[in-house]
Amino acid sequence: MAVTKIHAITATVDKAVAYICNPDKTDGSIYISFYACAPETAAIDFKYTLDHCRENSPNKVLSSDTGFRSR
């Protein structure tokens, strides 16, 4: 039975993409697929999208302390 673990990536985007695309872990990169980008430019595309969304998003999240207390 296969086991999958999901965890947050705490590295930079460049390092995460390099780790994910490591040929030693993907049988010479045969398990890597992509859509509308390339593994070589994926980190740049992610950074551009994140920056673009942060600047142009009409949806702003405002947070406040609601005063709820746990019992």
C-alpha atoms as a PDB file:
ATOM      1  CA  MET A   1       0.000   0.000   0.000  1.00  0.00           C
ATOM      2  CA  ALA A   2       1.302   3.459  -0.888  1.00  0.00           C
ATOM      3  CA  VAL A   3       1.620   6.139   1.751  1.00  0.00           C
ATOM      4  CA  THR A   4       1.373   9.834   0.944  1.00  0.00           C
ATOM      5  CA  LYS A   5       2.291  12.611   3.321  1.00  0.00           C
ATOM      6  CA  ILE A   6       1.328  16.227   2.805  1.00  0.00           C
ATOM      7  CA  HIS A   7       3.337  18.945   4.490  1.00  0.00           C
ATOM      8  CA  ALA A   8       4.024  22.614   3.989  1.00  0.00           C
ATOM      9  CA  ILE A   9       7.022  23.624   1.924  1.00  0.00           C
ATOM     10  CA  THR A  10       9.177  25.848   4.077  1.00  0.00           C
ATOM     11  CA  ALA A  11      11.935  26.371   1.512  1.00  0.00           C
ATOM     12  CA  THR A  12      12.075  29.029  -1.163  1.00  0.00           C
ATOM     13  CA  VAL A  13      10.148  28.411  -4.365  1.00  0.00           C
ATOM     14  CA  ASP A  14      13.396  27.886  -6.292  1.00  0.00           C
ATOM     15  CA  LYS A  15      14.596  25.217  -3.873  1.00  0.00           C
ATOM     16  CA  ALA A  16      11.179  23.534  -3.720  1.00  0.00           C
ATOM     17  CA  VAL A  17      10.933  23.245  -7.516  1.00  0.00           C
ATOM     18  CA  ALA A  18      14.511  21.973  -7.710  1.00  0.00           C
ATOM     19  CA  TYR A  19      13.728  19.319  -5.077  1.00  0.00           C
ATOM     20  CA  ILE A  20      10.461  18.297  -6.755  1.00  0.00           C
ATOM     21  CA  CYS A  21      12.156  18.030 -10.175  1.00  0.00           C
ATOM     22  CA  ASN A  22      15.192  16.115  -8.888  1.00  0.00           C
ATOM     23  CA  PRO A  23      15.979  13.521 -11.608  1.00  0.00           C
ATOM     24  CA  ASP A  24      17.143  11.007  -8.979  1.00  0.00           C
ATOM     25  CA  LYS A  25      13.685  11.025  -7.383  1.00  0.00           C
ATOM     26  CA  THR A  26      11.679  11.048 -10.629  1.00  0.00           C
ATOM     27  CA  ASP A  27      13.411   8.292 -12.620  1.00  0.00           C
ATOM     28  CA  GLY A  28      15.256  10.728 -14.845  1.00  0.00           C
ATOM     29  CA  SER A  29      12.376  13.232 -14.855  1.00  0.00           C
ATOM     30  CA  ILE A  30       9.840  10.901 -16.490  1.00  0.00           C
ATOM     31  CA  TYR A  31       7.335  11.635 -13.714  1.00  0.00           C
ATOM     32  CA  ILE A  32       7.456  15.407 -14.226  1.00  0.00           C
ATOM     33  CA  SER A  33       4.651  16.966 -16.226  1.00  0.00           C
ATOM     34  CA  PHE A  34       3.587  20.550 -16.653  1.00  0.00           C
ATOM     35  CA  TYR A  35       0.915  22.710 -18.214  1.00  0.00           C
ATOM     36  CA  ALA A  36       1.422  26.270 -19.490  1.00  0.00           C
ATOM     37  CA  CYS A  37       4.915  26.487 -17.972  1.00  0.00           C
ATOM     38  CA  ALA A  38       8.200  24.618 -17.905  1.00  0.00           C
ATOM     39  CA  PRO A  39      10.090  23.213 -14.922  1.00  0.00           C
ATOM     40  CA  GLU A  40      12.933  25.620 -15.679  1.00  0.00           C
ATOM     41  CA  THR A  41      10.645  28.673 -15.382  1.00  0.00           C
ATOM     42  CA  ALA A  42       8.105  27.400 -12.835  1.00  0.00           C
ATOM     43  CA  ALA A  43       9.635  29.293  -9.902  1.00  0.00           C
ATOM     44  CA  ILE A  44       9.598  32.561 -11.864  1.00  0.00           C
ATOM     45  CA  ASP A  45       5.975  31.941 -12.929  1.00  0.00           C
ATOM     46  CA  PHE A  46       4.902  31.235  -9.332  1.00  0.00           C
ATOM     47  CA  LYS A  47       6.597  34.385  -8.050  1.00  0.00           C
ATOM     48  CA  TYR A  48       5.061  36.520 -10.813  1.00  0.00           C
ATOM     49  CA  THR A  49       1.568  35.167 -10.135  1.00  0.00           C
ATOM     50  CA  LEU A  50       1.877  35.685  -6.391  1.00  0.00           C
ATOM     51  CA  ASP A  51       3.145  39.252  -6.775  1.00  0.00           C
ATOM     52  CA  HIS A  52       0.515  40.059  -9.405  1.00  0.00           C
ATOM     53  CA  CYS A  53      -2.315  38.716  -7.239  1.00  0.00           C
ATOM     54  CA  ARG A  54      -1.133  40.590  -4.158  1.00  0.00           C
ATOM     55  CA  GLU A  55      -1.016  43.911  -6.032  1.00  0.00           C
ATOM     56  CA  ASN A  56      -4.205  43.640  -8.088  1.00  0.00           C
ATOM     57  CA  SER A  57      -6.588  41.714  -5.890  1.00  0.00           C
ATOM     58  CA  PRO A  58      -9.847  43.559  -5.158  1.00  0.00           C
ATOM     59  CA  ASN A  59     -10.457  41.126  -2.299  1.00  0.00           C
ATOM     60  CA  LYS A  60      -8.737  42.344   0.813  1.00  0.00           C
ATOM     61  CA  VAL A  61      -8.932  40.421   4.051  1.00  0.00           C
ATOM     62  CA  LEU A  62      -9.338  42.459   7.177  1.00  0.00           C
ATOM     63  CA  SER A  63      -8.796  40.771  10.473  1.00  0.00           C
ATOM     64  CA  SER A  64      -9.754  41.815  13.962  1.00  0.00           C
ATOM     65  CA  ASP A  65      -9.798  40.309  17.405  1.00  0.00           C
ATOM     66  CA  THR A  66     -13.325  39.012  17.962  1.00  0.00           C
ATOM     67  CA  GLY A  67     -12.911  38.498  21.668  1.00  0.00           C
ATOM     68  CA  PHE A  68     -13.995  34.849  21.633  1.00  0.00           C
ATOM     69  CA  ARG A  69     -12.679  32.857  24.540  1.00  0.00           C
ATOM     70  CA  SER A  70     -12.203  29.130  24.678  1.00  0.00           C
ATOM     71  CA  ARG A  71     -13.892  27.389  27.594  1.00  0.00           C
END
